[in-house]
Amino acid sequence: MPSRKHLHKRFLVVDDHTIIRSALKTILKDIYSTALIEESVDGSDIIEKLKSNSYDLIIMDIQMPKSEAIGLIKQIHINYPSIPVLIYSMTSEKIYGIGGLKAGAKGFVSKESSMDELVKAINLVVLGQTYLGPDILELISGQAFKKSETPFSNLSPRELQIVELLLTGNGVSQISKVLGLKNSTVGTHKSHIYQKLKITNLLELKAVSESFLR
């Protein structure tokens, strides 16, 4: 673990799972012993918090209820450019990583990554650098970052959320509850997703995803 010489940092941890927030707080306290750490269960109050507080780092999930994370990251980047955002999520780095970086995030860490990798990412971003994981580096080396040539490039942030939920076995009704949308709205988004990806069903969506992520 790095030295505890960096004091009085202020962090905002945003995740809808209590265990994840608690684990992140423990890690941050281990790195920065006197850090001030605030929590949010989703992205709905982040902008309000930013009106009265500044942070050395915001660590946030990208798939949360009541939140469109990519749009929120863009807002933070435009209105509070000095405050870095690190995405920490179970969602696919290859699907969301490029979009997150383009929106203004300074890094993307998978929740499946090692503790050392997470600590490395936190330290790099707090120091003003950008953390690039292996999957992101692979995409950039293939010029996907510049050209945005992925099956998901034309999907909106909301459509990407719905793709992730569909791929994890959620139906329209479940997605409606998670995102706080009407069934008809989710159905419309789903239709648009299929049109943009030129597919007709969930099996084809899984095939596109697996082809891209393997």
N, C-alpha and C. Protein backbone atom coordinates (compact mmCIF):
# COMPACT_ATOMS: atom_id res chain seq x y z
N MET A 1 0.83 -1.20 0.00
CA MET A 1 0.00 0.00 0.00
C MET A 1 0.88 1.26 0.00
N PRO A 2 0.42 2.34 -0.64
CA PRO A 2 1.21 3.55 -0.65
C PRO A 2 1.27 4.24 0.70
N SER A 3 2.15 5.20 0.80
CA SER A 3 2.34 5.94 2.04
C SER A 3 1.09 6.72 2.42
N ARG A 4 0.95 6.97 3.72
CA ARG A 4 -0.18 7.74 4.21
C ARG A 4 0.16 9.23 4.32
N LYS A 5 1.17 9.68 3.63
CA LYS A 5 1.60 11.07 3.78
C LYS A 5 0.62 12.05 3.15
N HIS A 6 -0.24 11.59 2.21
CA HIS A 6 -1.19 12.50 1.57
C HIS A 6 -2.40 12.65 2.49
N LEU A 7 -2.59 13.83 3.04
CA LEU A 7 -3.64 14.02 4.04
C LEU A 7 -4.73 14.96 3.53
N HIS A 8 -5.85 14.90 4.25
CA HIS A 8 -6.95 15.84 4.06
C HIS A 8 -7.55 15.83 2.65
N LYS A 9 -7.56 14.69 2.03
CA LYS A 9 -8.24 14.55 0.75
C LYS A 9 -9.74 14.42 1.00
N ARG A 10 -10.51 14.78 -0.02
CA ARG A 10 -11.97 14.68 0.10
C ARG A 10 -12.48 13.86 -1.09
N PHE A 11 -13.26 12.83 -0.77
CA PHE A 11 -13.75 11.92 -1.78
C PHE A 11 -15.27 11.79 -1.73
N LEU A 12 -15.84 11.48 -2.90
CA LEU A 12 -17.26 11.15 -2.97
C LEU A 12 -17.38 9.77 -3.60
N VAL A 13 -17.99 8.85 -2.87
CA VAL A 13 -18.17 7.47 -3.33
C VAL A 13 -19.63 7.27 -3.70
N VAL A 14 -19.88 6.89 -4.94
CA VAL A 14 -21.25 6.80 -5.43
C VAL A 14 -21.52 5.38 -5.93
N ASP A 15 -22.37 4.66 -5.21
CA ASP A 15 -22.71 3.29 -5.58
C ASP A 15 -23.99 2.92 -4.84
N ASP A 16 -24.85 2.15 -5.50
CA ASP A 16 -26.12 1.79 -4.85
C ASP A 16 -26.00 0.58 -3.94
N HIS A 17 -24.80 0.01 -3.81
CA HIS A 17 -24.59 -1.14 -2.93
C HIS A 17 -23.79 -0.72 -1.69
N THR A 18 -24.38 -0.93 -0.52
CA THR A 18 -23.75 -0.52 0.74
C THR A 18 -22.39 -1.18 0.92
N ILE A 19 -22.27 -2.45 0.57
CA ILE A 19 -21.01 -3.18 0.76
C ILE A 19 -19.90 -2.56 -0.08
N ILE A 20 -20.21 -2.19 -1.31
CA ILE A 20 -19.21 -1.58 -2.18
C ILE A 20 -18.76 -0.23 -1.62
N ARG A 21 -19.72 0.58 -1.18
CA ARG A 21 -19.36 1.88 -0.61
C ARG A 21 -18.47 1.70 0.62
N SER A 22 -18.82 0.74 1.46
CA SER A 22 -18.04 0.49 2.67
C SER A 22 -16.63 0.03 2.32
N ALA A 23 -16.52 -0.86 1.34
CA ALA A 23 -15.19 -1.35 0.94
C ALA A 23 -14.33 -0.23 0.36
N LEU A 24 -14.94 0.62 -0.47
CA LEU A 24 -14.19 1.74 -1.05
C LEU A 24 -13.74 2.72 0.03
N LYS A 25 -14.59 2.97 1.01
CA LYS A 25 -14.23 3.87 2.11
C LYS A 25 -13.03 3.31 2.88
N THR A 26 -13.04 2.00 3.10
CA THR A 26 -11.92 1.37 3.82
C THR A 26 -10.62 1.52 3.03
N ILE A 27 -10.70 1.27 1.73
CA ILE A 27 -9.51 1.39 0.87
C ILE A 27 -8.99 2.83 0.86
N LEU A 28 -9.89 3.79 0.72
CA LEU A 28 -9.49 5.19 0.67
C LEU A 28 -8.86 5.62 1.99
N LYS A 29 -9.42 5.16 3.09
CA LYS A 29 -8.88 5.50 4.41
C LYS A 29 -7.50 4.88 4.61
N ASP A 30 -7.29 3.73 4.01
CA ASP A 30 -5.99 3.08 4.13
C ASP A 30 -4.92 3.83 3.34
N ILE A 31 -5.33 4.44 2.24
CA ILE A 31 -4.38 5.21 1.43
C ILE A 31 -4.20 6.62 2.00
N TYR A 32 -5.32 7.25 2.34
CA TYR A 32 -5.33 8.63 2.83
C TYR A 32 -5.99 8.64 4.20
N SER A 33 -5.21 8.53 5.24
CA SER A 33 -5.74 8.22 6.57
C SER A 33 -6.69 9.26 7.14
N THR A 34 -6.52 10.52 6.75
CA THR A 34 -7.40 11.56 7.30
C THR A 34 -8.40 12.07 6.27
N ALA A 35 -8.62 11.28 5.26
CA ALA A 35 -9.53 11.70 4.18
C ALA A 35 -10.95 11.90 4.70
N LEU A 36 -11.64 12.86 4.08
CA LEU A 36 -13.06 13.06 4.31
C LEU A 36 -13.80 12.35 3.18
N ILE A 37 -14.68 11.44 3.53
CA ILE A 37 -15.34 10.61 2.53
C ILE A 37 -16.86 10.74 2.66
N GLU A 38 -17.48 11.18 1.59
CA GLU A 38 -18.94 11.27 1.55
C GLU A 38 -19.48 10.17 0.65
N GLU A 39 -20.75 9.85 0.83
CA GLU A 39 -21.37 8.77 0.07
C GLU A 39 -22.64 9.25 -0.63
N SER A 40 -22.96 8.57 -1.71
CA SER A 40 -24.24 8.77 -2.38
C SER A 40 -24.69 7.42 -2.91
N VAL A 41 -25.99 7.13 -2.78
CA VAL A 41 -26.49 5.83 -3.22
C VAL A 41 -26.79 5.79 -4.70
N ASP A 42 -26.87 6.94 -5.35
CA ASP A 42 -27.03 7.00 -6.80
C ASP A 42 -26.57 8.38 -7.25
N GLY A 43 -26.75 8.68 -8.51
CA GLY A 43 -26.24 9.95 -9.01
C GLY A 43 -27.18 11.12 -8.84
N SER A 44 -28.33 10.92 -8.21
CA SER A 44 -29.37 11.95 -8.20
C SER A 44 -28.99 13.21 -7.42
N ASP A 45 -28.07 13.08 -6.44
CA ASP A 45 -27.74 14.25 -5.63
C ASP A 45 -26.31 14.75 -5.84
N ILE A 46 -25.60 14.19 -6.81
CA ILE A 46 -24.20 14.58 -7.00
C ILE A 46 -24.06 16.06 -7.36
N ILE A 47 -24.87 16.52 -8.30
CA ILE A 47 -24.77 17.91 -8.72
C ILE A 47 -25.04 18.86 -7.56
N GLU A 48 -26.00 18.51 -6.71
CA GLU A 48 -26.28 19.33 -5.53
C GLU A 48 -25.08 19.36 -4.60
N LYS A 49 -24.45 18.21 -4.40
CA LYS A 49 -23.28 18.14 -3.53
C LYS A 49 -22.15 19.01 -4.09
N LEU A 50 -22.00 18.98 -5.42
CA LEU A 50 -20.91 19.73 -6.05
C LEU A 50 -21.10 21.24 -5.94
N LYS A 51 -22.33 21.68 -5.72
CA LYS A 51 -22.58 23.12 -5.59
C LYS A 51 -21.96 23.68 -4.32
N SER A 52 -21.78 22.81 -3.32
CA SER A 52 -21.25 23.29 -2.04
C SER A 52 -19.95 22.61 -1.61
N ASN A 53 -19.51 21.60 -2.36
CA ASN A 53 -18.29 20.88 -1.99
C ASN A 53 -17.42 20.64 -3.20
N SER A 54 -16.11 20.58 -2.96
CA SER A 54 -15.17 20.17 -3.99
C SER A 54 -14.55 18.85 -3.56
N TYR A 55 -14.16 18.03 -4.51
CA TYR A 55 -13.62 16.71 -4.19
C TYR A 55 -12.31 16.48 -4.95
N ASP A 56 -11.43 15.72 -4.32
CA ASP A 56 -10.20 15.31 -4.98
C ASP A 56 -10.47 14.16 -5.95
N LEU A 57 -11.58 13.45 -5.72
CA LEU A 57 -11.94 12.34 -6.60
C LEU A 57 -13.38 11.92 -6.33
N ILE A 58 -14.09 11.64 -7.41
CA ILE A 58 -15.41 10.99 -7.32
C ILE A 58 -15.24 9.59 -7.89
N ILE A 59 -15.56 8.58 -7.10
CA ILE A 59 -15.55 7.19 -7.57
C ILE A 59 -17.00 6.77 -7.73
N MET A 60 -17.39 6.38 -8.93
CA MET A 60 -18.81 6.07 -9.13
C MET A 60 -19.03 4.86 -10.02
N ASP A 61 -20.11 4.15 -9.71
CA ASP A 61 -20.57 3.08 -10.58
C ASP A 61 -21.21 3.73 -11.80
N ILE A 62 -21.35 2.96 -12.85
CA ILE A 62 -21.94 3.51 -14.06
C ILE A 62 -23.34 2.97 -14.31
N GLN A 63 -23.75 1.99 -13.50
CA GLN A 63 -25.07 1.38 -13.67
C GLN A 63 -25.80 1.46 -12.34
N MET A 64 -26.56 2.54 -12.15
CA MET A 64 -27.27 2.75 -10.89
C MET A 64 -28.70 3.21 -11.15
N PRO A 65 -29.60 2.94 -10.21
CA PRO A 65 -30.97 3.45 -10.34
C PRO A 65 -30.98 4.97 -10.35
N LYS A 66 -31.94 5.54 -11.04
CA LYS A 66 -32.17 7.00 -11.06
C LYS A 66 -30.99 7.78 -11.63
N SER A 67 -30.13 7.12 -12.37
CA SER A 67 -28.93 7.80 -12.85
C SER A 67 -28.62 7.42 -14.29
N GLU A 68 -28.25 8.40 -15.08
CA GLU A 68 -27.70 8.17 -16.40
C GLU A 68 -26.25 8.61 -16.31
N ALA A 69 -25.37 7.66 -15.98
CA ALA A 69 -24.02 7.97 -15.53
C ALA A 69 -23.19 8.72 -16.57
N ILE A 70 -23.28 8.31 -17.84
CA ILE A 70 -22.46 8.97 -18.86
C ILE A 70 -22.83 10.46 -18.96
N GLY A 71 -24.12 10.74 -18.97
CA GLY A 71 -24.57 12.13 -19.00
C GLY A 71 -24.12 12.89 -17.77
N LEU A 72 -24.15 12.23 -16.62
CA LEU A 72 -23.73 12.86 -15.37
C LEU A 72 -22.23 13.16 -15.39
N ILE A 73 -21.43 12.22 -15.91
CA ILE A 73 -19.99 12.45 -16.02
C ILE A 73 -19.70 13.64 -16.93
N LYS A 74 -20.46 13.75 -18.02
CA LYS A 74 -20.29 14.90 -18.92
C LYS A 74 -20.57 16.21 -18.18
N GLN A 75 -21.66 16.21 -17.39
CA GLN A 75 -22.01 17.41 -16.62
C GLN A 75 -20.88 17.81 -15.68
N ILE A 76 -20.35 16.81 -14.96
CA ILE A 76 -19.27 17.10 -14.01
C ILE A 76 -18.05 17.63 -14.75
N HIS A 77 -17.72 17.00 -15.86
CA HIS A 77 -16.53 17.40 -16.63
C HIS A 77 -16.66 18.83 -17.16
N ILE A 78 -17.85 19.19 -17.61
CA ILE A 78 -18.06 20.53 -18.17
C ILE A 78 -18.11 21.60 -17.08
N ASN A 79 -18.86 21.30 -16.01
CA ASN A 79 -19.08 22.32 -14.97
C ASN A 79 -18.04 22.32 -13.86
N TYR A 80 -17.39 21.16 -13.64
CA TYR A 80 -16.39 21.05 -12.58
C TYR A 80 -15.16 20.31 -13.12
N PRO A 81 -14.49 20.88 -14.12
CA PRO A 81 -13.42 20.17 -14.82
C PRO A 81 -12.23 19.78 -13.95
N SER A 82 -12.07 20.42 -12.81
CA SER A 82 -10.94 20.10 -11.93
C SER A 82 -11.21 18.89 -11.03
N ILE A 83 -12.46 18.40 -11.04
CA ILE A 83 -12.81 17.27 -10.18
C ILE A 83 -12.81 15.99 -11.02
N PRO A 84 -11.87 15.07 -10.77
CA PRO A 84 -11.78 13.86 -11.57
C PRO A 84 -12.80 12.80 -11.17
N VAL A 85 -13.22 12.03 -12.15
CA VAL A 85 -14.16 10.92 -11.92
C VAL A 85 -13.49 9.62 -12.32
N LEU A 86 -13.55 8.64 -11.43
CA LEU A 86 -13.07 7.29 -11.72
C LEU A 86 -14.28 6.36 -11.70
N ILE A 87 -14.50 5.67 -12.81
CA ILE A 87 -15.60 4.71 -12.89
C ILE A 87 -15.15 3.39 -12.28
N TYR A 88 -15.98 2.85 -11.39
CA TYR A 88 -15.70 1.55 -10.75
C TYR A 88 -16.95 0.71 -10.89
N SER A 89 -16.93 -0.28 -11.76
CA SER A 89 -18.19 -0.91 -12.14
C SER A 89 -18.01 -2.36 -12.57
N MET A 90 -19.10 -3.13 -12.49
CA MET A 90 -19.12 -4.49 -13.01
C MET A 90 -19.46 -4.50 -14.49
N THR A 91 -19.93 -3.39 -15.02
CA THR A 91 -20.29 -3.34 -16.43
C THR A 91 -19.05 -3.46 -17.29
N SER A 92 -19.25 -3.80 -18.54
CA SER A 92 -18.13 -4.09 -19.43
C SER A 92 -17.27 -2.87 -19.72
N GLU A 93 -15.98 -3.02 -19.47
CA GLU A 93 -15.02 -1.95 -19.79
C GLU A 93 -15.00 -1.67 -21.28
N LYS A 94 -15.18 -2.74 -22.07
CA LYS A 94 -15.11 -2.57 -23.52
C LYS A 94 -16.36 -1.88 -24.07
N ILE A 95 -17.47 -2.02 -23.38
CA ILE A 95 -18.69 -1.33 -23.81
C ILE A 95 -18.71 0.10 -23.28
N TYR A 96 -18.39 0.27 -22.01
CA TYR A 96 -18.55 1.57 -21.37
C TYR A 96 -17.27 2.37 -21.22
N GLY A 97 -16.10 1.72 -21.29
CA GLY A 97 -14.86 2.40 -21.00
C GLY A 97 -14.58 3.57 -21.92
N ILE A 98 -14.68 3.36 -23.22
CA ILE A 98 -14.43 4.42 -24.18
C ILE A 98 -15.42 5.56 -24.01
N GLY A 99 -16.71 5.19 -23.86
CA GLY A 99 -17.74 6.21 -23.65
C GLY A 99 -17.50 7.01 -22.38
N GLY A 100 -17.07 6.31 -21.32
CA GLY A 100 -16.78 7.00 -20.07
C GLY A 100 -15.64 7.98 -20.19
N LEU A 101 -14.56 7.56 -20.89
CA LEU A 101 -13.42 8.45 -21.09
C LEU A 101 -13.79 9.64 -21.96
N LYS A 102 -14.56 9.40 -22.99
CA LYS A 102 -14.98 10.50 -23.86
C LYS A 102 -15.88 11.48 -23.12
N ALA A 103 -16.65 10.97 -22.16
CA ALA A 103 -17.52 11.84 -21.38
C ALA A 103 -16.74 12.70 -20.39
N GLY A 104 -15.50 12.27 -20.09
CA GLY A 104 -14.68 13.06 -19.18
C GLY A 104 -14.11 12.32 -17.99
N ALA A 105 -14.45 11.02 -17.85
CA ALA A 105 -13.88 10.24 -16.75
C ALA A 105 -12.38 10.09 -16.94
N LYS A 106 -11.67 9.93 -15.84
CA LYS A 106 -10.22 9.79 -15.87
C LYS A 106 -9.76 8.34 -15.78
N GLY A 107 -10.72 7.43 -15.76
CA GLY A 107 -10.35 6.02 -15.72
C GLY A 107 -11.56 5.14 -15.50
N PHE A 108 -11.39 3.85 -15.77
CA PHE A 108 -12.44 2.85 -15.61
C PHE A 108 -11.78 1.62 -15.01
N VAL A 109 -12.27 1.21 -13.83
CA VAL A 109 -11.76 0.01 -13.17
C VAL A 109 -12.90 -0.98 -13.00
N SER A 110 -12.66 -2.20 -13.43
CA SER A 110 -13.66 -3.25 -13.25
C SER A 110 -13.67 -3.69 -11.79
N LYS A 111 -14.85 -4.02 -11.27
CA LYS A 111 -14.95 -4.53 -9.90
C LYS A 111 -14.33 -5.92 -9.78
N GLU A 112 -13.98 -6.51 -10.91
CA GLU A 112 -13.29 -7.79 -10.89
C GLU A 112 -11.77 -7.61 -10.84
N SER A 113 -11.30 -6.37 -10.91
CA SER A 113 -9.86 -6.11 -10.86
C SER A 113 -9.31 -6.37 -9.47
N SER A 114 -8.00 -6.53 -9.40
CA SER A 114 -7.35 -6.76 -8.11
C SER A 114 -7.35 -5.49 -7.28
N MET A 115 -7.12 -5.66 -5.97
CA MET A 115 -7.03 -4.51 -5.07
C MET A 115 -5.88 -3.60 -5.48
N ASP A 116 -4.76 -4.19 -5.85
CA ASP A 116 -3.60 -3.38 -6.26
C ASP A 116 -3.93 -2.51 -7.47
N GLU A 117 -4.71 -3.08 -8.41
CA GLU A 117 -5.06 -2.32 -9.61
C GLU A 117 -5.97 -1.16 -9.27
N LEU A 118 -6.91 -1.39 -8.35
CA LEU A 118 -7.80 -0.31 -7.92
C LEU A 118 -7.02 0.80 -7.23
N VAL A 119 -6.11 0.42 -6.34
CA VAL A 119 -5.29 1.41 -5.63
C VAL A 119 -4.44 2.20 -6.62
N LYS A 120 -3.87 1.50 -7.59
CA LYS A 120 -3.08 2.17 -8.63
C LYS A 120 -3.92 3.21 -9.37
N ALA A 121 -5.14 2.81 -9.74
CA ALA A 121 -6.03 3.72 -10.46
C ALA A 121 -6.37 4.95 -9.62
N ILE A 122 -6.71 4.73 -8.35
CA ILE A 122 -7.05 5.84 -7.46
C ILE A 122 -5.88 6.83 -7.37
N ASN A 123 -4.69 6.31 -7.14
CA ASN A 123 -3.53 7.19 -6.98
C ASN A 123 -3.20 7.96 -8.25
N LEU A 124 -3.28 7.29 -9.38
CA LEU A 124 -3.00 7.96 -10.64
C LEU A 124 -3.98 9.10 -10.89
N VAL A 125 -5.26 8.83 -10.68
CA VAL A 125 -6.28 9.84 -10.98
C VAL A 125 -6.20 11.00 -10.00
N VAL A 126 -5.96 10.72 -8.73
CA VAL A 126 -5.81 11.79 -7.75
C VAL A 126 -4.61 12.69 -8.09
N LEU A 127 -3.59 12.09 -8.69
CA LEU A 127 -2.41 12.85 -9.09
C LEU A 127 -2.59 13.59 -10.41
N GLY A 128 -3.78 13.50 -10.98
CA GLY A 128 -4.06 14.24 -12.20
C GLY A 128 -3.80 13.47 -13.48
N GLN A 129 -3.53 12.17 -13.36
CA GLN A 129 -3.27 11.36 -14.53
C GLN A 129 -4.53 10.55 -14.91
N THR A 130 -4.44 9.85 -16.01
CA THR A 130 -5.55 9.00 -16.46
C THR A 130 -5.17 7.54 -16.32
N TYR A 131 -6.08 6.75 -15.77
CA TYR A 131 -5.84 5.32 -15.64
C TYR A 131 -6.46 4.59 -16.82
N LEU A 132 -5.66 3.80 -17.51
CA LEU A 132 -6.14 3.00 -18.64
C LEU A 132 -5.91 1.53 -18.33
N GLY A 133 -7.00 0.77 -18.18
CA GLY A 133 -6.90 -0.66 -17.94
C GLY A 133 -6.52 -1.41 -19.21
N PRO A 134 -6.25 -2.70 -19.08
CA PRO A 134 -5.79 -3.48 -20.24
C PRO A 134 -6.78 -3.53 -21.39
N ASP A 135 -8.07 -3.62 -21.11
CA ASP A 135 -9.05 -3.67 -22.19
C ASP A 135 -9.13 -2.35 -22.94
N ILE A 136 -9.04 -1.24 -22.19
CA ILE A 136 -9.06 0.08 -22.83
C ILE A 136 -7.82 0.26 -23.68
N LEU A 137 -6.67 -0.15 -23.16
CA LEU A 137 -5.43 -0.05 -23.92
C LEU A 137 -5.51 -0.85 -25.21
N GLU A 138 -6.15 -2.00 -25.13
CA GLU A 138 -6.32 -2.85 -26.32
C GLU A 138 -7.17 -2.12 -27.36
N LEU A 139 -8.24 -1.49 -26.91
CA LEU A 139 -9.10 -0.76 -27.84
C LEU A 139 -8.38 0.43 -28.45
N ILE A 140 -7.65 1.16 -27.61
CA ILE A 140 -6.93 2.32 -28.12
C ILE A 140 -5.86 1.92 -29.11
N SER A 141 -5.15 0.82 -28.82
CA SER A 141 -4.10 0.37 -29.72
C SER A 141 -4.66 -0.04 -31.07
N GLY A 142 -5.94 -0.43 -31.07
CA GLY A 142 -6.61 -0.78 -32.32
C GLY A 142 -7.33 0.41 -32.94
N GLN A 143 -7.07 1.61 -32.38
CA GLN A 143 -7.63 2.87 -32.88
C GLN A 143 -9.14 2.97 -32.69
N ALA A 144 -9.70 2.11 -31.82
CA ALA A 144 -11.14 2.19 -31.58
C ALA A 144 -11.50 3.47 -30.86
N PHE A 145 -10.56 3.99 -30.06
CA PHE A 145 -10.84 5.23 -29.32
C PHE A 145 -11.05 6.39 -30.27
N LYS A 146 -10.24 6.46 -31.32
CA LYS A 146 -10.35 7.57 -32.26
C LYS A 146 -11.51 7.39 -33.21
N LYS A 147 -11.70 6.17 -33.65
CA LYS A 147 -12.70 5.94 -34.69
C LYS A 147 -14.07 5.57 -34.13
N SER A 148 -14.09 5.14 -32.87
CA SER A 148 -15.35 4.72 -32.24
C SER A 148 -16.04 3.62 -33.03
N GLU A 149 -15.27 2.74 -33.62
CA GLU A 149 -15.86 1.69 -34.44
C GLU A 149 -16.16 0.46 -33.60
N THR A 150 -17.22 0.56 -32.81
CA THR A 150 -17.68 -0.58 -32.03
C THR A 150 -19.16 -0.76 -32.34
N PRO A 151 -19.69 -1.96 -32.07
CA PRO A 151 -21.12 -2.18 -32.32
C PRO A 151 -22.02 -1.27 -31.49
N PHE A 152 -21.47 -0.68 -30.43
CA PHE A 152 -22.29 0.09 -29.49
C PHE A 152 -22.07 1.59 -29.61
N SER A 153 -21.28 2.01 -30.59
CA SER A 153 -20.90 3.42 -30.68
C SER A 153 -22.06 4.37 -30.87
N ASN A 154 -23.08 3.92 -31.59
CA ASN A 154 -24.22 4.80 -31.90
C ASN A 154 -25.33 4.76 -30.86
N LEU A 155 -25.13 4.00 -29.80
CA LEU A 155 -26.15 3.92 -28.76
C LEU A 155 -26.00 5.08 -27.78
N SER A 156 -27.14 5.58 -27.31
CA SER A 156 -27.13 6.66 -26.32
C SER A 156 -26.76 6.08 -24.95
N PRO A 157 -26.41 6.94 -23.97
CA PRO A 157 -26.12 6.45 -22.62
C PRO A 157 -27.27 5.62 -22.05
N ARG A 158 -28.50 6.04 -22.25
CA ARG A 158 -29.64 5.28 -21.74
C ARG A 158 -29.75 3.93 -22.44
N GLU A 159 -29.51 3.91 -23.73
CA GLU A 159 -29.57 2.65 -24.47
C GLU A 159 -28.48 1.69 -24.01
N LEU A 160 -27.30 2.22 -23.70
CA LEU A 160 -26.23 1.38 -23.18
C LEU A 160 -26.62 0.77 -21.83
N GLN A 161 -27.29 1.56 -20.98
CA GLN A 161 -27.77 1.03 -19.71
C GLN A 161 -28.71 -0.14 -19.95
N ILE A 162 -29.61 0.03 -20.89
CA ILE A 162 -30.61 -1.00 -21.16
C ILE A 162 -29.96 -2.24 -21.77
N VAL A 163 -28.97 -2.05 -22.65
CA VAL A 163 -28.23 -3.19 -23.19
C VAL A 163 -27.62 -4.01 -22.07
N GLU A 164 -26.96 -3.34 -21.13
CA GLU A 164 -26.31 -4.04 -20.02
C GLU A 164 -27.33 -4.83 -19.20
N LEU A 165 -28.49 -4.22 -18.95
CA LEU A 165 -29.52 -4.90 -18.17
C LEU A 165 -30.13 -6.07 -18.95
N LEU A 166 -30.32 -5.91 -20.24
CA LEU A 166 -30.82 -7.01 -21.07
C LEU A 166 -29.84 -8.18 -21.06
N LEU A 167 -28.56 -7.87 -21.17
CA LEU A 167 -27.54 -8.91 -21.22
C LEU A 167 -27.38 -9.65 -19.90
N THR A 168 -27.83 -9.02 -18.80
CA THR A 168 -27.75 -9.69 -17.50
C THR A 168 -29.07 -10.34 -17.11
N GLY A 169 -29.96 -10.51 -18.09
CA GLY A 169 -31.16 -11.31 -17.88
C GLY A 169 -32.40 -10.57 -17.44
N ASN A 170 -32.39 -9.27 -17.50
CA ASN A 170 -33.55 -8.50 -17.09
C ASN A 170 -34.53 -8.30 -18.24
N GLY A 171 -35.80 -8.42 -17.93
CA GLY A 171 -36.83 -8.15 -18.92
C GLY A 171 -37.26 -6.69 -18.88
N VAL A 172 -38.20 -6.33 -19.75
CA VAL A 172 -38.64 -4.94 -19.84
C VAL A 172 -39.20 -4.44 -18.51
N SER A 173 -40.02 -5.25 -17.84
CA SER A 173 -40.62 -4.82 -16.56
C SER A 173 -39.57 -4.58 -15.50
N GLN A 174 -38.59 -5.48 -15.42
CA GLN A 174 -37.51 -5.32 -14.43
C GLN A 174 -36.68 -4.08 -14.72
N ILE A 175 -36.38 -3.86 -15.99
CA ILE A 175 -35.59 -2.69 -16.38
C ILE A 175 -36.36 -1.41 -16.04
N SER A 176 -37.66 -1.43 -16.27
CA SER A 176 -38.50 -0.27 -15.95
C SER A 176 -38.38 0.10 -14.48
N LYS A 177 -38.40 -0.92 -13.61
CA LYS A 177 -38.30 -0.67 -12.17
C LYS A 177 -36.92 -0.15 -11.79
N VAL A 178 -35.88 -0.76 -12.36
CA VAL A 178 -34.51 -0.36 -12.04
C VAL A 178 -34.25 1.09 -12.45
N LEU A 179 -34.69 1.46 -13.64
CA LEU A 179 -34.39 2.79 -14.17
C LEU A 179 -35.47 3.83 -13.90
N GLY A 180 -36.58 3.38 -13.33
CA GLY A 180 -37.66 4.32 -13.04
C GLY A 180 -38.35 4.84 -14.28
N LEU A 181 -38.49 3.98 -15.29
CA LEU A 181 -39.12 4.36 -16.55
C LEU A 181 -40.39 3.56 -16.78
N LYS A 182 -41.24 4.05 -17.67
CA LYS A 182 -42.43 3.29 -18.05
C LYS A 182 -42.03 2.11 -18.93
N ASN A 183 -42.85 1.04 -18.86
CA ASN A 183 -42.59 -0.13 -19.70
C ASN A 183 -42.52 0.26 -21.17
N SER A 184 -43.42 1.15 -21.58
CA SER A 184 -43.47 1.55 -23.00
C SER A 184 -42.19 2.29 -23.40
N THR A 185 -41.65 3.08 -22.47
CA THR A 185 -40.41 3.81 -22.76
C THR A 185 -39.24 2.85 -22.94
N VAL A 186 -39.16 1.87 -22.05
CA VAL A 186 -38.11 0.86 -22.16
C VAL A 186 -38.27 0.07 -23.46
N GLY A 187 -39.52 -0.26 -23.80
CA GLY A 187 -39.79 -0.98 -25.04
C GLY A 187 -39.34 -0.20 -26.26
N THR A 188 -39.57 1.11 -26.24
CA THR A 188 -39.14 1.96 -27.35
C THR A 188 -37.62 1.99 -27.45
N HIS A 189 -36.95 2.14 -26.31
CA HIS A 189 -35.49 2.12 -26.31
C HIS A 189 -34.97 0.79 -26.85
N LYS A 190 -35.60 -0.29 -26.43
CA LYS A 190 -35.18 -1.62 -26.88
C LYS A 190 -35.31 -1.74 -28.40
N SER A 191 -36.41 -1.25 -28.94
CA SER A 191 -36.61 -1.28 -30.39
C SER A 191 -35.53 -0.48 -31.12
N HIS A 192 -35.21 0.70 -30.57
CA HIS A 192 -34.17 1.54 -31.18
C HIS A 192 -32.80 0.84 -31.13
N ILE A 193 -32.53 0.17 -30.02
CA ILE A 193 -31.27 -0.57 -29.89
C ILE A 193 -31.16 -1.63 -30.98
N TYR A 194 -32.23 -2.40 -31.14
CA TYR A 194 -32.23 -3.47 -32.14
C TYR A 194 -32.06 -2.91 -33.55
N GLN A 195 -32.71 -1.77 -33.80
CA GLN A 195 -32.58 -1.14 -35.12
C GLN A 195 -31.15 -0.69 -35.38
N LYS A 196 -30.55 -0.04 -34.37
CA LYS A 196 -29.20 0.48 -34.55
C LYS A 196 -28.18 -0.65 -34.71
N LEU A 197 -28.40 -1.75 -34.00
CA LEU A 197 -27.46 -2.87 -34.08
C LEU A 197 -27.81 -3.85 -35.21
N LYS A 198 -28.94 -3.57 -35.86
CA LYS A 198 -29.40 -4.41 -36.98
C LYS A 198 -29.62 -5.86 -36.54
N ILE A 199 -30.33 -5.99 -35.42
CA ILE A 199 -30.67 -7.30 -34.89
C ILE A 199 -32.17 -7.34 -34.62
N THR A 200 -32.67 -8.53 -34.30
CA THR A 200 -34.12 -8.66 -34.09
C THR A 200 -34.49 -9.30 -32.76
N ASN A 201 -33.53 -9.83 -32.01
CA ASN A 201 -33.88 -10.49 -30.76
C ASN A 201 -32.70 -10.52 -29.78
N LEU A 202 -32.98 -11.01 -28.56
CA LEU A 202 -31.98 -11.02 -27.50
C LEU A 202 -30.80 -11.95 -27.83
N LEU A 203 -31.09 -13.06 -28.48
CA LEU A 203 -30.00 -13.97 -28.85
C LEU A 203 -28.99 -13.29 -29.76
N GLU A 204 -29.49 -12.50 -30.68
CA GLU A 204 -28.59 -11.78 -31.58
C GLU A 204 -27.83 -10.68 -30.84
N LEU A 205 -28.49 -10.06 -29.86
CA LEU A 205 -27.81 -9.06 -29.04
C LEU A 205 -26.65 -9.70 -28.28
N LYS A 206 -26.90 -10.88 -27.71
CA LYS A 206 -25.84 -11.59 -27.00
C LYS A 206 -24.71 -11.97 -27.95
N ALA A 207 -25.07 -12.36 -29.16
CA ALA A 207 -24.04 -12.74 -30.14
C ALA A 207 -23.16 -11.55 -30.50
N VAL A 208 -23.80 -10.39 -30.71
CA VAL A 208 -23.03 -9.18 -31.02
C VAL A 208 -22.09 -8.84 -29.87
N SER A 209 -22.63 -8.91 -28.65
CA SER A 209 -21.84 -8.59 -27.47
C SER A 209 -20.66 -9.55 -27.31
N GLU A 210 -20.94 -10.84 -27.43
CA GLU A 210 -19.89 -11.85 -27.25
C GLU A 210 -18.82 -11.74 -28.34
N SER A 211 -19.24 -11.42 -29.53
CA SER A 211 -18.30 -11.28 -30.64
C SER A 211 -17.35 -10.12 -30.37
N PHE A 212 -17.89 -9.06 -29.79
CA PHE A 212 -17.09 -7.86 -29.55
C PHE A 212 -16.19 -8.02 -28.33
N LEU A 213 -16.70 -8.73 -27.29
CA LEU A 213 -15.99 -8.79 -26.02
C LEU A 213 -15.05 -9.96 -25.87
N ARG A 214 -15.09 -10.92 -26.75
CA ARG A 214 -14.27 -12.12 -26.55
C ARG A 214 -12.78 -11.82 -26.75
